[in-house]
Amino acid sequence: MSRKVRAVLFDLDGTLIDSAPDLAGAANALRAEHGLAALPYEQLRPMVGAGARGMVGVAFGVAPGEPRFEGLRDAFLARYEQGMLDRTCLFDGMHRLLSALEAAGMAWGIVTNKATRFAVPVAEGLGLSPRAGALVCGDTTAHAKPHPEPLWEAARRLGHSPADCVYVGDDLRDVQAGRAAGMATLIAAWGYLGQGDSIEAWGADAIINQPDALLNWLELA
């Protein structure tokens, strides 16, 4: 499988970048406004991959469809937008990995469920936009992950068939989307990983424990 790969697609939060400090900070800032004590970072971090839904869920115990959810979600996103590049950075080893892919002539892009209003400024602020061959956000296509359409769109933009791509992510829906798109899938074990079944049960082609391990899987190391 690895020898067929011509392009690498990455999830954003929890795979390329560590945005948990800013997202957790926004959640705790909102809790403070409601007179609630801050939650431990370790309690908030695993839910970052579930976006505003996950963060509001863990911070306030409120789910979509409940009366308070939309107001809390919008307030959380407003606070996050004010400081979404305060502490967010690329994961250790990621810059070196991207440089190695580029040196090998391999195309790469980003597929995220993060909305364009957040994903584009973050990608630009971290210097990813000029390098990525594609940036597909949660509202770029009619469907978000785990639907395969965002991955298909990214493959089209890179000029490769889905079968020639591998998708790297840190959430079960990343694996589901990749498999549905006809791509190889890898789990970024340094990411947020959510809660529930063990990552070994997700059905990915492989689990990589650090960014450099992708080069070994691609047989580029």
Protein backbone atom coordinates (compact mmCIF):
# COMPACT_ATOMS: atom_id res chain seq x y z
CA MET A 1 0.00 0.00 0.00
CA SER A 2 2.70 2.51 0.97
CA ARG A 3 4.49 2.26 -2.40
CA LYS A 4 1.32 3.40 -4.19
CA VAL A 5 0.99 6.60 -2.16
CA ARG A 6 1.46 9.79 -4.15
CA ALA A 7 -0.08 12.28 -1.72
CA VAL A 8 -0.55 12.64 2.04
CA LEU A 9 -3.60 14.27 3.57
CA PHE A 10 -3.57 15.37 7.20
CA ASP A 11 -6.21 16.23 9.72
CA LEU A 12 -5.42 19.59 11.34
CA ASP A 13 -6.13 19.71 15.08
CA GLY A 14 -4.45 16.86 16.91
CA THR A 15 -2.47 15.72 13.88
CA LEU A 16 -0.59 18.62 12.31
CA ILE A 17 -1.10 21.15 15.07
CA ASP A 18 -1.54 21.19 18.83
CA SER A 19 -4.47 23.56 19.32
CA ALA A 20 -5.64 22.05 22.60
CA PRO A 21 -4.12 24.77 24.83
CA ASP A 22 -6.11 27.52 23.10
CA LEU A 23 -9.32 25.50 22.85
CA ALA A 24 -9.11 24.40 26.47
CA GLY A 25 -8.35 27.97 27.46
CA ALA A 26 -11.47 29.21 25.69
CA ALA A 27 -13.58 26.56 27.44
CA ASN A 28 -12.25 27.48 30.87
CA ALA A 29 -12.63 31.21 30.17
CA LEU A 30 -16.28 30.60 29.40
CA ARG A 31 -16.68 28.48 32.54
CA ALA A 32 -15.22 31.35 34.57
CA GLU A 33 -17.81 33.72 33.12
CA HIS A 34 -20.47 31.33 34.40
CA GLY A 35 -18.93 31.21 37.85
CA LEU A 36 -17.46 27.74 37.40
CA ALA A 37 -13.99 26.57 38.35
CA ALA A 38 -11.48 25.71 35.64
CA LEU A 39 -11.35 22.08 34.53
CA PRO A 40 -8.00 20.27 34.39
CA TYR A 41 -6.33 20.45 30.99
CA GLU A 42 -6.12 16.65 30.96
CA GLN A 43 -9.91 16.46 31.11
CA LEU A 44 -10.42 18.86 28.21
CA ARG A 45 -7.65 17.73 25.83
CA PRO A 46 -9.18 14.41 24.66
CA MET A 47 -12.34 16.16 23.48
CA VAL A 48 -10.63 18.76 21.29
CA GLY A 49 -11.07 16.54 18.24
CA ALA A 50 -14.84 16.76 18.64
CA GLY A 51 -14.75 20.53 18.10
CA ALA A 52 -17.13 22.96 19.77
CA ARG A 53 -19.62 20.16 20.38
CA GLY A 54 -17.08 18.22 22.37
CA MET A 55 -15.69 21.18 24.25
CA VAL A 56 -19.11 22.50 25.28
CA GLY A 57 -20.10 18.98 26.20
CA VAL A 58 -17.20 18.40 28.56
CA ALA A 59 -17.17 21.96 29.94
CA PHE A 60 -20.91 22.30 30.59
CA GLY A 61 -22.44 18.86 30.20
CA VAL A 62 -24.69 20.16 27.40
CA ALA A 63 -25.31 18.34 24.11
CA PRO A 64 -26.64 19.52 20.72
CA GLY A 65 -30.41 19.87 20.80
CA GLU A 66 -30.52 20.98 24.42
CA PRO A 67 -31.77 24.54 25.06
CA ARG A 68 -28.45 25.98 26.25
CA PHE A 69 -26.23 24.39 23.64
CA GLU A 70 -26.32 26.90 20.79
CA GLY A 71 -25.69 29.90 23.02
CA LEU A 72 -22.80 28.23 24.79
CA ARG A 73 -21.36 26.99 21.49
CA ASP A 74 -21.44 30.46 19.94
CA ALA A 75 -19.91 32.03 23.05
CA PHE A 76 -17.18 29.38 23.11
CA LEU A 77 -16.33 29.93 19.45
CA ALA A 78 -16.19 33.70 19.93
CA ARG A 79 -13.70 33.30 22.76
CA TYR A 80 -11.65 30.81 20.81
CA GLU A 81 -11.50 33.13 17.79
CA GLN A 82 -9.99 35.87 19.94
CA GLY A 83 -6.99 33.75 20.89
CA MET A 84 -6.71 30.83 18.50
CA LEU A 85 -3.01 31.44 17.80
CA ASP A 86 -1.91 32.31 21.33
CA ARG A 87 -0.36 28.93 22.11
CA THR A 88 -1.24 26.77 19.10
CA CYS A 89 1.77 25.34 17.28
CA LEU A 90 2.89 22.48 15.05
CA PHE A 91 3.54 19.26 16.89
CA ASP A 92 7.20 18.43 17.50
CA GLY A 93 8.70 16.84 14.40
CA MET A 94 5.93 17.99 12.07
CA HIS A 95 7.91 20.73 10.35
CA ARG A 96 10.71 18.24 9.68
CA LEU A 97 8.18 15.72 8.32
CA LEU A 98 6.58 18.21 5.95
CA SER A 99 9.98 19.32 4.70
CA ALA A 100 10.92 15.69 4.02
CA LEU A 101 7.70 15.12 2.05
CA GLU A 102 8.34 18.24 0.01
CA ALA A 103 11.94 17.22 -0.63
CA ALA A 104 10.68 13.87 -1.90
CA GLY A 105 8.27 15.61 -4.27
CA MET A 106 5.21 14.25 -2.48
CA ALA A 107 2.08 16.40 -2.46
CA TRP A 108 0.32 17.01 0.83
CA GLY A 109 -2.81 18.75 2.00
CA ILE A 110 -5.13 19.32 4.94
CA VAL A 111 -8.68 18.05 5.49
CA THR A 112 -10.30 19.33 8.67
CA ASN A 113 -13.78 19.69 10.12
CA LYS A 114 -12.71 23.08 11.46
CA ALA A 115 -14.76 25.84 9.83
CA THR A 116 -13.07 28.06 7.26
CA ARG A 117 -13.26 31.12 9.55
CA PHE A 118 -10.92 29.36 11.98
CA ALA A 119 -8.92 26.96 9.80
CA VAL A 120 -7.67 29.50 7.27
CA PRO A 121 -6.27 32.03 9.79
CA VAL A 122 -4.66 29.24 11.81
CA ALA A 123 -3.09 27.64 8.75
CA GLU A 124 -1.84 31.03 7.57
CA GLY A 125 -0.54 32.00 10.99
CA LEU A 126 1.46 28.78 11.30
CA GLY A 127 2.90 29.04 7.80
CA LEU A 128 1.01 26.03 6.45
CA SER A 129 -1.08 27.74 3.79
CA PRO A 130 1.73 28.46 1.30
CA ARG A 131 2.95 24.86 1.59
CA ALA A 132 -0.24 22.82 1.55
CA GLY A 133 -1.53 21.81 -1.87
CA ALA A 134 -5.08 21.74 -0.54
CA LEU A 135 -6.98 23.00 2.49
CA VAL A 136 -10.48 21.55 2.76
CA CYS A 137 -12.45 22.80 5.76
CA GLY A 138 -15.56 21.57 7.51
CA ASP A 139 -17.77 23.88 5.42
CA THR A 140 -15.92 23.58 2.10
CA THR A 141 -18.13 20.75 0.82
CA ALA A 142 -21.72 19.77 1.53
CA HIS A 143 -20.60 17.18 4.06
CA ALA A 144 -17.99 17.03 6.81
CA LYS A 145 -16.10 13.97 8.04
CA PRO A 146 -16.82 11.10 8.52
CA HIS A 147 -18.36 11.57 5.05
CA PRO A 148 -15.70 10.97 2.38
CA GLU A 149 -16.56 14.01 0.26
CA PRO A 150 -13.98 16.36 1.87
CA LEU A 151 -11.25 13.80 1.23
CA TRP A 152 -12.34 13.36 -2.37
CA GLU A 153 -12.26 17.14 -2.83
CA ALA A 154 -8.73 17.33 -1.41
CA ALA A 155 -7.56 14.54 -3.70
CA ARG A 156 -9.05 16.38 -6.70
CA ARG A 157 -7.24 19.57 -5.73
CA LEU A 158 -3.95 17.69 -5.45
CA GLY A 159 -4.53 16.01 -8.79
CA HIS A 160 -4.43 12.45 -7.45
CA SER A 161 -6.93 9.63 -7.22
CA PRO A 162 -8.13 8.69 -3.72
CA ALA A 163 -6.44 5.30 -4.07
CA ASP A 164 -3.08 7.09 -4.33
CA CYS A 165 -3.61 9.05 -1.10
CA VAL A 166 -3.16 8.28 2.58
CA TYR A 167 -5.10 10.14 5.28
CA VAL A 168 -3.53 10.73 8.68
CA GLY A 169 -5.78 11.66 11.61
CA ASP A 170 -6.32 11.30 15.33
CA ASP A 171 -10.05 10.56 15.54
CA LEU A 172 -12.26 7.60 14.68
CA ARG A 173 -14.14 9.67 12.12
CA ASP A 174 -10.84 10.32 10.33
CA VAL A 175 -10.40 6.58 9.82
CA GLN A 176 -14.04 6.20 8.81
CA ALA A 177 -13.76 9.03 6.28
CA GLY A 178 -10.52 7.75 4.84
CA ARG A 179 -11.76 4.23 4.42
CA ALA A 180 -15.02 5.45 2.85
CA ALA A 181 -12.97 7.58 0.43
CA GLY A 182 -10.90 4.58 -0.64
CA MET A 183 -7.71 5.81 0.97
CA ALA A 184 -5.18 4.19 3.26
CA THR A 185 -5.59 5.51 6.81
CA LEU A 186 -3.08 6.10 9.59
CA ILE A 187 -3.72 7.07 13.21
CA ALA A 188 -1.60 9.84 14.72
CA ALA A 189 -1.14 8.42 18.20
CA TRP A 190 0.26 11.73 19.50
CA GLY A 191 -3.13 13.36 18.94
CA TYR A 192 -6.25 13.81 21.04
CA LEU A 193 -7.87 10.43 20.22
CA GLY A 194 -11.21 11.15 21.92
CA GLN A 195 -12.85 8.70 24.28
CA GLY A 196 -14.33 5.26 23.73
CA ASP A 197 -12.92 2.24 21.92
CA SER A 198 -9.16 1.77 21.83
CA ILE A 199 -7.50 3.12 18.70
CA GLU A 200 -6.48 -0.43 17.77
CA ALA A 201 -10.19 -1.13 17.15
CA TRP A 202 -10.63 1.72 14.65
CA GLY A 203 -9.52 -0.35 11.67
CA ALA A 204 -6.73 1.87 10.36
CA ASP A 205 -3.93 0.55 8.19
CA ALA A 206 -1.37 1.50 10.82
CA ILE A 207 -0.78 3.50 13.99
CA ILE A 208 2.19 5.87 14.00
CA ASN A 209 3.56 7.12 17.30
CA GLN A 210 5.52 10.10 16.04
CA PRO A 211 5.55 12.18 12.83
CA ASP A 212 8.82 10.71 11.58
CA ALA A 213 7.23 7.26 11.57
CA LEU A 214 5.18 8.33 8.56
CA LEU A 215 8.39 8.48 6.52
CA ASN A 216 9.14 4.89 7.44
CA TRP A 217 5.62 3.82 6.46
CA LEU A 218 5.99 5.63 3.14
CA GLU A 219 9.44 4.07 2.71
CA LEU A 220 10.99 7.51 2.39
CA ALA A 221 13.26 7.28 5.45
